[in-house]
PDB file of N, CA and C in Angstrom:
ATOM      1  N   UNK A   1     142.561  81.515 123.337  1.00  0.00           N
ATOM      2  CA  UNK A   1     142.636  80.913 121.988  1.00  0.00           C
ATOM      3  C   UNK A   1     143.522  81.781 121.115  1.00  0.00           C
ATOM      4  N   UNK A   2     144.446  81.138 120.325  1.00  0.00           N
ATOM      5  CA  UNK A   2     145.367  81.882 119.462  1.00  0.00           C
ATOM      6  C   UNK A   2     144.544  82.410 118.258  1.00  0.00           C
ATOM      7  N   UNK A   3     144.972  83.539 117.752  1.00  0.00           N
ATOM      8  CA  UNK A   3     144.395  84.038 116.556  1.00  0.00           C
ATOM      9  C   UNK A   3     144.962  83.337 115.349  1.00  0.00           C
ATOM     10  N   UNK A   4     144.267  83.545 114.366  1.00  0.00           N
ATOM     11  CA  UNK A   4     144.758  82.933 112.931  1.00  0.00           C
ATOM     12  C   UNK A   4     146.124  83.458 112.662  1.00  0.00           C
ATOM     13  N   UNK A   5     146.279  84.783 112.853  1.00  0.00           N
ATOM     14  CA  UNK A   5     147.624  85.482 112.603  1.00  0.00           C
ATOM     15  C   UNK A   5     148.646  84.813 113.429  1.00  0.00           C
ATOM     16  N   UNK A   6     148.358  84.541 114.723  1.00  0.00           N
ATOM     17  CA  UNK A   6     149.419  83.941 115.657  1.00  0.00           C
ATOM     18  C   UNK A   6     149.743  82.560 115.099  1.00  0.00           C
ATOM     19  N   UNK A   7     148.797  81.723 114.628  1.00  0.00           N
ATOM     20  CA  UNK A   7     149.007  80.403 114.181  1.00  0.00           C
ATOM     21  C   UNK A   7     149.851  80.516 112.879  1.00  0.00           C
ATOM     22  N   UNK A   8     149.539  81.362 112.100  1.00  0.00           N
ATOM     23  CA  UNK A   8     150.197  81.472 110.818  1.00  0.00           C
ATOM     24  C   UNK A   8     151.727  81.991 110.998  1.00  0.00           C
ATOM     25  N   UNK A   9     151.848  82.757 112.061  1.00  0.00           N
ATOM     26  CA  UNK A   9     153.252  83.334 112.365  1.00  0.00           C
ATOM     27  C   UNK A   9     154.050  82.084 112.914  1.00  0.00           C
ATOM     28  N   UNK A  10     153.474  81.438 113.873  1.00  0.00           N
ATOM     29  CA  UNK A  10     154.178  80.209 114.452  1.00  0.00           C
ATOM     30  C   UNK A  10     154.476  79.217 113.317  1.00  0.00           C
ATOM     31  N   UNK A  11     153.636  78.989 112.473  1.00  0.00           N
ATOM     32  CA  UNK A  11     153.755  78.003 111.327  1.00  0.00           C
ATOM     33  C   UNK A  11     154.943  78.517 110.401  1.00  0.00           C
ATOM     34  N   UNK A  12     154.990  79.791 110.201  1.00  0.00           N
ATOM     35  CA  UNK A  12     156.037  80.406 109.348  1.00  0.00           C
ATOM     36  C   UNK A  12     157.374  80.173 110.092  1.00  0.00           C
ATOM     37  N   UNK A  13     157.411  80.430 111.350  1.00  0.00           N
ATOM     38  CA  UNK A  13     158.689  80.249 112.115  1.00  0.00           C
ATOM     39  C   UNK A  13     159.050  78.798 112.128  1.00  0.00           C
ATOM     40  N   UNK A  14     158.147  77.811 112.148  1.00  0.00           N
ATOM     41  CA  UNK A  14     158.517  76.427 112.102  1.00  0.00           C
ATOM     42  C   UNK A  14     158.580  75.875 110.629  1.00  0.00           C
ATOM     43  N   UNK A  15     158.429  76.757 109.603  1.00  0.00           N
ATOM     44  CA  UNK A  15     158.597  76.436 108.210  1.00  0.00           C
ATOM     45  C   UNK A  15     157.544  75.360 107.903  1.00  0.00           C
ATOM     46  N   UNK A  16     156.262  75.522 108.305  1.00  0.00           N
ATOM     47  CA  UNK A  16     155.192  74.620 108.099  1.00  0.00           C
ATOM     48  C   UNK A  16     154.175  75.461 107.242  1.00  0.00           C
ATOM     49  N   UNK A  17     153.706  74.816 106.134  1.00  0.00           N
ATOM     50  CA  UNK A  17     152.681  75.460 105.308  1.00  0.00           C
ATOM     51  C   UNK A  17     151.292  74.779 105.763  1.00  0.00           C
ATOM     52  N   UNK A  18     150.424  75.618 106.175  1.00  0.00           N
ATOM     53  CA  UNK A  18     149.142  75.140 106.699  1.00  0.00           C
ATOM     54  C   UNK A  18     148.008  75.505 105.717  1.00  0.00           C
ATOM     55  N   UNK A  19     147.108  74.570 105.439  1.00  0.00           N
ATOM     56  CA  UNK A  19     145.931  74.819 104.670  1.00  0.00           C
ATOM     57  C   UNK A  19     144.940  75.594 105.531  1.00  0.00           C
ATOM     58  N   UNK A  20     143.926  76.266 104.881  1.00  0.00           N
ATOM     59  CA  UNK A  20     142.905  76.907 105.655  1.00  0.00           C
ATOM     60  C   UNK A  20     142.098  75.981 106.629  1.00  0.00           C
ATOM     61  N   UNK A  21     141.995  74.712 106.205  1.00  0.00           N
ATOM     62  CA  UNK A  21     141.357  73.714 107.023  1.00  0.00           C
ATOM     63  C   UNK A  21     142.163  73.332 108.301  1.00  0.00           C
ATOM     64  N   UNK A  22     143.491  73.386 108.155  1.00  0.00           N
ATOM     65  CA  UNK A  22     144.379  72.985 109.289  1.00  0.00           C
ATOM     66  C   UNK A  22     144.456  74.054 110.315  1.00  0.00           C
ATOM     67  N   UNK A  23     144.258  75.210 110.078  1.00  0.00           N
ATOM     68  CA  UNK A  23     144.427  76.367 110.998  1.00  0.00           C
ATOM     69  C   UNK A  23     143.625  76.191 112.220  1.00  0.00           C
ATOM     70  N   UNK A  24     142.377  75.876 112.294  1.00  0.00           N
ATOM     71  CA  UNK A  24     141.579  75.663 113.501  1.00  0.00           C
ATOM     72  C   UNK A  24     142.178  74.528 114.281  1.00  0.00           C
ATOM     73  N   UNK A  25     142.573  73.548 113.638  1.00  0.00           N
ATOM     74  CA  UNK A  25     143.211  72.301 114.360  1.00  0.00           C
ATOM     75  C   UNK A  25     144.467  72.761 115.078  1.00  0.00           C
ATOM     76  N   UNK A  26     145.387  73.422 114.378  1.00  0.00           N
ATOM     77  CA  UNK A  26     146.531  74.008 115.085  1.00  0.00           C
ATOM     78  C   UNK A  26     146.316  75.003 116.157  1.00  0.00           C
ATOM     79  N   UNK A  27     145.264  75.743 115.901  1.00  0.00           N
ATOM     80  CA  UNK A  27     144.858  76.684 117.038  1.00  0.00           C
ATOM     81  C   UNK A  27     144.537  75.816 118.369  1.00  0.00           C
ATOM     82  N   UNK A  28     143.798  74.838 118.225  1.00  0.00           N
ATOM     83  CA  UNK A  28     143.431  73.991 119.354  1.00  0.00           C
ATOM     84  C   UNK A  28     144.568  73.334 119.913  1.00  0.00           C
ATOM     85  N   UNK A  29     145.538  72.669 119.108  1.00  0.00           N
ATOM     86  CA  UNK A  29     146.717  72.073 119.574  1.00  0.00           C
ATOM     87  C   UNK A  29     147.630  72.948 120.298  1.00  0.00           C
ATOM     88  N   UNK A  30     147.839  74.142 119.738  1.00  0.00           N
ATOM     89  CA  UNK A  30     148.756  75.128 120.330  1.00  0.00           C
ATOM     90  C   UNK A  30     148.233  75.651 121.621  1.00  0.00           C
ATOM     91  N   UNK A  31     146.826  75.884 121.614  1.00  0.00           N
ATOM     92  CA  UNK A  31     146.181  76.337 122.917  1.00  0.00           C
ATOM     93  C   UNK A  31     146.264  75.323 123.916  1.00  0.00           C
ATOM     94  N   UNK A  32     146.163  74.073 123.688  1.00  0.00           N
ATOM     95  CA  UNK A  32     146.330  72.942 124.684  1.00  0.00           C
ATOM     96  C   UNK A  32     147.703  72.992 125.130  1.00  0.00           C
ATOM     97  N   UNK A  33     148.730  73.134 124.317  1.00  0.00           N
ATOM     98  CA  UNK A  33     150.136  73.115 124.786  1.00  0.00           C
ATOM     99  C   UNK A  33     150.314  74.223 125.718  1.00  0.00           C
ATOM    100  N   UNK A  34     149.914  75.509 125.384  1.00  0.00           N
ATOM    101  CA  UNK A  34     150.032  76.674 126.186  1.00  0.00           C
ATOM    102  C   UNK A  34     149.325  76.421 127.516  1.00  0.00           C
ATOM    103  N   UNK A  35     148.113  75.853 127.552  1.00  0.00           N
ATOM    104  CA  UNK A  35     147.383  75.534 128.799  1.00  0.00           C
ATOM    105  C   UNK A  35     148.161  74.614 129.663  1.00  0.00           C
ATOM    106  N   UNK A  36     148.860  73.652 129.008  1.00  0.00           N
ATOM    107  CA  UNK A  36     149.615  72.721 129.851  1.00  0.00           C
ATOM    108  C   UNK A  36     150.848  73.441 130.442  1.00  0.00           C
ATOM    109  N   UNK A  37     151.388  74.356 129.722  1.00  0.00           N
ATOM    110  CA  UNK A  37     152.539  75.081 130.149  1.00  0.00           C
ATOM    111  C   UNK A  37     152.110  75.897 131.352  1.00  0.00           C
ATOM    112  N   UNK A  38     150.937  76.522 131.245  1.00  0.00           N
ATOM    113  CA  UNK A  38     150.451  77.250 132.500  1.00  0.00           C
ATOM    114  C   UNK A  38     150.317  76.507 133.739  1.00  0.00           C
ATOM    115  N   UNK A  39     149.878  75.264 133.537  1.00  0.00           N
ATOM    116  CA  UNK A  39     149.838  74.310 134.676  1.00  0.00           C
ATOM    117  C   UNK A  39     151.196  74.116 135.214  1.00  0.00           C
ATOM    118  N   UNK A  40     152.188  73.813 134.419  1.00  0.00           N
ATOM    119  CA  UNK A  40     153.492  73.566 134.798  1.00  0.00           C
ATOM    120  C   UNK A  40     154.156  74.743 135.627  1.00  0.00           C
ATOM    121  N   UNK A  41     153.746  75.977 135.112  1.00  0.00           N
ATOM    122  CA  UNK A  41     154.218  77.135 135.799  1.00  0.00           C
ATOM    123  C   UNK A  41     153.802  77.297 137.232  1.00  0.00           C
ATOM    124  N   UNK A  42     152.733  76.590 137.534  1.00  0.00           N
ATOM    125  CA  UNK A  42     152.153  76.718 138.987  1.00  0.00           C
ATOM    126  C   UNK A  42     152.970  75.814 139.951  1.00  0.00           C
ATOM    127  N   UNK A  43     153.724  74.938 139.478  1.00  0.00           N
ATOM    128  CA  UNK A  43     154.521  74.034 140.320  1.00  0.00           C
ATOM    129  C   UNK A  43     155.599  74.768 141.022  1.00  0.00           C
ATOM    130  N   UNK A  44     155.816  74.389 142.316  1.00  0.00           N
ATOM    131  CA  UNK A  44     156.859  75.061 143.128  1.00  0.00           C
ATOM    132  C   UNK A  44     158.149  74.136 142.887  1.00  0.00           C
ATOM    133  N   UNK A  45     159.110  74.843 142.188  1.00  0.00           N
ATOM    134  CA  UNK A  45     160.388  74.084 141.927  1.00  0.00           C
ATOM    135  C   UNK A  45     161.521  74.789 142.698  1.00  0.00           C
ATOM    136  N   UNK A  46     161.251  75.388 143.649  1.00  0.00           N
ATOM    137  CA  UNK A  46     162.278  76.145 144.435  1.00  0.00           C
ATOM    138  C   UNK A  46     163.212  75.165 145.124  1.00  0.00           C
ATOM    139  N   UNK A  47     162.776  73.972 145.388  1.00  0.00           N
ATOM    140  CA  UNK A  47     163.634  73.022 146.166  1.00  0.00           C
ATOM    141  C   UNK A  47     164.270  71.989 145.209  1.00  0.00           C
ATOM    142  N   UNK A  48     164.062  72.257 143.855  1.00  0.00           N
ATOM    143  CA  UNK A  48     164.624  71.331 142.873  1.00  0.00           C
ATOM    144  C   UNK A  48     165.853  71.892 142.292  1.00  0.00           C
ATOM    145  N   UNK A  49     166.932  71.172 142.308  1.00  0.00           N
ATOM    146  CA  UNK A  49     168.059  71.684 141.843  1.00  0.00           C
ATOM    147  C   UNK A  49     168.078  71.566 140.222  1.00  0.00           C
ATOM    148  N   UNK A  50     168.634  72.590 139.604  1.00  0.00           N
ATOM    149  CA  UNK A  50     168.624  72.558 138.161  1.00  0.00           C
ATOM    150  C   UNK A  50     169.350  71.396 137.573  1.00  0.00           C
ATOM    151  N   UNK A  51     168.989  70.885 136.515  1.00  0.00           N
ATOM    152  CA  UNK A  51     169.658  69.717 135.837  1.00  0.00           C
ATOM    153  C   UNK A  51     169.473  69.818 134.345  1.00  0.00           C
ATOM    154  N   UNK A  52     170.462  69.245 133.639  1.00  0.00           N
ATOM    155  CA  UNK A  52     170.288  69.230 132.149  1.00  0.00           C
ATOM    156  C   UNK A  52     170.300  67.711 131.800  1.00  0.00           C
ATOM    157  N   UNK A  53     170.559  66.738 132.692  1.00  0.00           N
ATOM    158  CA  UNK A  53     170.551  65.310 132.371  1.00  0.00           C
ATOM    159  C   UNK A  53     169.778  64.543 133.436  1.00  0.00           C
ATOM    160  N   UNK A  54     168.765  63.959 133.086  1.00  0.00           N
ATOM    161  CA  UNK A  54     167.878  63.227 134.138  1.00  0.00           C
ATOM    162  C   UNK A  54     168.007  61.733 134.224  1.00  0.00           C
ATOM    163  N   UNK A  55     168.731  61.181 133.291  1.00  0.00           N
ATOM    164  CA  UNK A  55     168.896  59.780 133.282  1.00  0.00           C
ATOM    165  C   UNK A  55     170.223  59.220 133.974  1.00  0.00           C
ATOM    166  N   UNK A  56     171.127  60.151 134.292  1.00  0.00           N
ATOM    167  CA  UNK A  56     172.433  59.779 134.837  1.00  0.00           C
ATOM    168  C   UNK A  56     173.266  59.009 133.959  1.00  0.00           C
ATOM    169  N   UNK A  57     172.995  58.979 132.691  1.00  0.00           N
ATOM    170  CA  UNK A  57     173.857  58.295 131.674  1.00  0.00           C
ATOM    171  C   UNK A  57     175.109  59.134 131.423  1.00  0.00           C
ATOM    172  N   UNK A  58     176.217  58.427 131.368  1.00  0.00           N
ATOM    173  CA  UNK A  58     177.512  59.120 131.087  1.00  0.00           C
ATOM    174  C   UNK A  58     177.962  58.714 129.636  1.00  0.00           C
ATOM    175  N   UNK A  59     178.454  59.721 128.976  1.00  0.00           N
ATOM    176  CA  UNK A  59     178.943  59.507 127.585  1.00  0.00           C
ATOM    177  C   UNK A  59     180.260  58.626 127.779  1.00  0.00           C
ATOM    178  N   UNK A  60     180.333  57.676 126.951  1.00  0.00           N
ATOM    179  CA  UNK A  60     181.549  56.746 127.019  1.00  0.00           C
ATOM    180  C   UNK A  60     182.240  57.022 125.705  1.00  0.00           C
ATOM    181  N   UNK A  61     183.443  57.453 125.806  1.00  0.00           N
ATOM    182  CA  UNK A  61     184.297  57.738 124.634  1.00  0.00           C
ATOM    183  C   UNK A  61     185.452  56.783 124.612  1.00  0.00           C
ATOM    184  N   UNK A  62     185.841  56.357 123.341  1.00  0.00           N
ATOM    185  CA  UNK A  62     187.099  55.627 123.310  1.00  0.00           C
ATOM    186  C   UNK A  62     188.234  56.575 123.278  1.00  0.00           C
ATOM    187  N   UNK A  63     189.474  55.987 123.632  1.00  0.00           N
ATOM    188  CA  UNK A  63     190.630  56.836 123.587  1.00  0.00           C
ATOM    189  C   UNK A  63     190.825  57.380 122.125  1.00  0.00           C
ATOM    190  N   UNK A  64     191.286  58.570 121.984  1.00  0.00           N
ATOM    191  CA  UNK A  64     191.487  59.071 120.673  1.00  0.00           C
ATOM    192  C   UNK A  64     192.993  58.833 120.309  1.00  0.00           C
ATOM    193  N   UNK A  65     193.170  57.503 119.890  1.00  0.00           N
ATOM    194  CA  UNK A  65     194.549  57.047 119.410  1.00  0.00           C
ATOM    195  C   UNK A  65     194.351  56.480 118.041  1.00  0.00           C
ATOM    196  N   UNK A  66     195.435  56.612 117.347  1.00  0.00           N
ATOM    197  CA  UNK A  66     195.470  56.014 115.998  1.00  0.00           C
ATOM    198  C   UNK A  66     195.650  54.565 116.028  1.00  0.00           C
ATOM    199  N   UNK A  67     194.736  53.871 115.206  1.00  0.00           N
ATOM    200  CA  UNK A  67     194.785  52.443 115.244  1.00  0.00           C
ATOM    201  C   UNK A  67     195.416  51.993 113.814  1.00  0.00           C
ATOM    202  N   UNK A  68     196.709  51.718 113.819  1.00  0.00           N
ATOM    203  CA  UNK A  68     197.376  51.418 112.577  1.00  0.00           C
ATOM    204  C   UNK A  68     196.934  50.237 111.867  1.00  0.00           C
ATOM    205  N   UNK A  69     196.197  49.366 112.613  1.00  0.00           N
ATOM    206  CA  UNK A  69     195.616  48.065 111.974  1.00  0.00           C
ATOM    207  C   UNK A  69     194.360  48.496 111.065  1.00  0.00           C
ATOM    208  N   UNK A  70     193.892  49.589 111.196  1.00  0.00           N
ATOM    209  CA  UNK A  70     192.595  49.990 110.470  1.00  0.00           C
ATOM    210  C   UNK A  70     192.980  50.793 109.289  1.00  0.00           C
ATOM    211  N   UNK A  71     194.222  51.009 108.891  1.00  0.00           N
ATOM    212  CA  UNK A  71     194.510  51.761 107.707  1.00  0.00           C
ATOM    213  C   UNK A  71     194.532  50.973 106.398  1.00  0.00           C
ATOM    214  N   UNK A  72     194.077  51.529 105.330  1.00  0.00           N
ATOM    215  CA  UNK A  72     194.134  50.950 104.036  1.00  0.00           C
ATOM    216  C   UNK A  72     195.144  51.848 103.227  1.00  0.00           C
ATOM    217  N   UNK A  73     195.809  51.162 102.298  1.00  0.00           N
ATOM    218  CA  UNK A  73     196.684  52.086 101.386  1.00  0.00           C
ATOM    219  C   UNK A  73     195.843  52.671 100.445  1.00  0.00           C
ATOM    220  N   UNK A  74     196.279  53.933 100.007  1.00  0.00           N
ATOM    221  CA  UNK A  74     195.517  54.761  99.076  1.00  0.00           C
ATOM    222  C   UNK A  74     195.152  54.004  97.858  1.00  0.00           C
ATOM    223  N   UNK A  75     195.955  53.204  97.278  1.00  0.00           N
ATOM    224  CA  UNK A  75     195.637  52.507  96.095  1.00  0.00           C
ATOM    225  C   UNK A  75     194.347  51.510  96.323  1.00  0.00           C
ATOM    226  N   UNK A  76     194.244  50.938  97.506  1.00  0.00           N
ATOM    227  CA  UNK A  76     193.160  50.065  97.838  1.00  0.00           C
ATOM    228  C   UNK A  76     191.889  50.875  98.018  1.00  0.00           C
ATOM    229  N   UNK A  77     191.961  52.014  98.670  1.00  0.00           N
ATOM    230  CA  UNK A  77     190.814  52.836  98.898  1.00  0.00           C
ATOM    231  C   UNK A  77     190.252  53.382  97.563  1.00  0.00           C
ATOM    232  N   UNK A  78     191.122  53.673  96.620  1.00  0.00           N
ATOM    233  CA  UNK A  78     190.727  54.325  95.372  1.00  0.00           C
ATOM    234  C   UNK A  78     190.618  53.314  94.162  1.00  0.00           C
ATOM    235  N   UNK A  79     190.650  52.022  94.356  1.00  0.00           N
ATOM    236  CA  UNK A  79     190.693  51.094  93.336  1.00  0.00           C
ATOM    237  C   UNK A  79     189.389  51.029  92.562  1.00  0.00           C
ATOM    238  N   UNK A  80     188.294  51.382  93.239  1.00  0.00           N
ATOM    239  CA  UNK A  80     186.986  51.358  92.554  1.00  0.00           C
ATOM    240  C   UNK A  80     186.407  52.569  92.043  1.00  0.00           C
ATOM    241  N   UNK A  81     187.337  53.675  92.164  1.00  0.00           N
ATOM    242  CA  UNK A  81     186.929  54.981  91.688  1.00  0.00           C
ATOM    243  C   UNK A  81     187.181  55.006  90.182  1.00  0.00           C
ATOM    244  N   UNK A  82     185.951  55.368  89.513  1.00  0.00           N
ATOM    245  CA  UNK A  82     186.084  55.285  88.035  1.00  0.00           C
ATOM    246  C   UNK A  82     186.879  56.263  87.399  1.00  0.00           C
ATOM    247  N   UNK A  83     186.995  57.572  87.820  1.00  0.00           N
ATOM    248  CA  UNK A  83     187.849  58.521  87.251  1.00  0.00           C
ATOM    249  C   UNK A  83     188.934  58.958  88.244  1.00  0.00           C
ATOM    250  N   UNK A  84     190.060  58.796  87.917  1.00  0.00           N
ATOM    251  CA  UNK A  84     191.144  59.273  88.820  1.00  0.00           C
ATOM    252  C   UNK A  84     191.929  60.366  88.090  1.00  0.00           C
ATOM    253  N   UNK A  85     192.544  61.200  88.983  1.00  0.00           N
ATOM    254  CA  UNK A  85     193.301  62.277  88.471  1.00  0.00           C
ATOM    255  C   UNK A  85     194.680  62.065  89.026  1.00  0.00           C
ATOM    256  N   UNK A  86     195.591  63.028  88.779  1.00  0.00           N
ATOM    257  CA  UNK A  86     196.948  63.003  89.144  1.00  0.00           C
ATOM    258  C   UNK A  86     197.154  63.377  90.654  1.00  0.00           C
ATOM    259  N   UNK A  87     198.158  62.925  91.191  1.00  0.00           N
ATOM    260  CA  UNK A  87     198.467  63.232  92.574  1.00  0.00           C
ATOM    261  C   UNK A  87     197.550  62.677  93.611  1.00  0.00           C
ATOM    262  N   UNK A  88     196.855  61.555  93.292  1.00  0.00           N
ATOM    263  CA  UNK A  88     196.079  60.903  94.261  1.00  0.00           C
ATOM    264  C   UNK A  88     194.562  61.425  94.411  1.00  0.00           C
ATOM    265  N   UNK A  89     194.291  62.556  93.733  1.00  0.00           N
ATOM    266  CA  UNK A  89     192.950  63.148  93.805  1.00  0.00           C
ATOM    267  C   UNK A  89     192.109  62.336  92.768  1.00  0.00           C
ATOM    268  N   UNK A  90     190.745  62.333  92.985  1.00  0.00           N
ATOM    269  CA  UNK A  90     189.935  61.748  91.984  1.00  0.00           C
ATOM    270  C   UNK A  90     188.827  62.750  91.661  1.00  0.00           C
ATOM    271  N   UNK A  91     188.276  62.510  90.445  1.00  0.00           N
ATOM    272  CA  UNK A  91     187.304  63.411  89.800  1.00  0.00           C
ATOM    273  C   UNK A  91     185.892  62.978  90.279  1.00  0.00           C
ATOM    274  N   UNK A  92     184.957  63.917  90.436  1.00  0.00           N
ATOM    275  CA  UNK A  92     183.598  63.650  90.732  1.00  0.00           C
ATOM    276  C   UNK A  92     182.736  64.427  89.639  1.00  0.00           C
ATOM    277  N   UNK A  93     181.518  64.041  89.547  1.00  0.00           N
ATOM    278  CA  UNK A  93     180.591  64.781  88.546  1.00  0.00           C
ATOM    279  C   UNK A  93     180.346  66.095  89.040  1.00  0.00           C
ATOM    280  N   UNK A  94     180.181  67.067  88.182  1.00  0.00           N
ATOM    281  CA  UNK A  94     179.848  68.437  88.436  1.00  0.00           C
ATOM    282  C   UNK A  94     178.589  68.486  89.386  1.00  0.00           C
ATOM    283  N   UNK A  95     178.650  69.220  90.471  1.00  0.00           N
ATOM    284  CA  UNK A  95     177.549  69.501  91.362  1.00  0.00           C
ATOM    285  C   UNK A  95     176.982  70.814  91.342  1.00  0.00           C
ATOM    286  N   UNK A  96     177.605  71.789  90.709  1.00  0.00           N
ATOM    287  CA  UNK A  96     177.104  73.075  90.535  1.00  0.00           C
ATOM    288  C   UNK A  96     176.861  73.376  89.127  1.00  0.00           C
ATOM    289  N   UNK A  97     175.556  73.867  88.898  1.00  0.00           N
ATOM    290  CA  UNK A  97     175.170  74.116  87.523  1.00  0.00           C
ATOM    291  C   UNK A  97     175.225  75.600  87.259  1.00  0.00           C
ATOM    292  N   UNK A  98     175.434  75.969  86.132  1.00  0.00           N
ATOM    293  CA  UNK A  98     175.246  77.504  85.818  1.00  0.00           C
ATOM    294  C   UNK A  98     176.395  78.057  85.034  1.00  0.00           C
TER     295      UNK A  98
END
């Protein structure tokens, strides 16, 4: 069984705030997870080749080419922008205070 200090340390690493009532629950859950890992460690995997992908799915990418039919003129893109500035830039509300 994990100590309260262990559970609180793990919760801190996971950025989880636990109440005093939740600590025993997490002690049980984490202990169960560690017990399951111990069972898995007993398996003989010497004949299993390492893998990182078990579904054999392949990523399908489109060619990285410019599609000139998908371009909009700058005036069309910025026509609904309420505040515009010179040289094609547009203004936004201040996002940094202080």
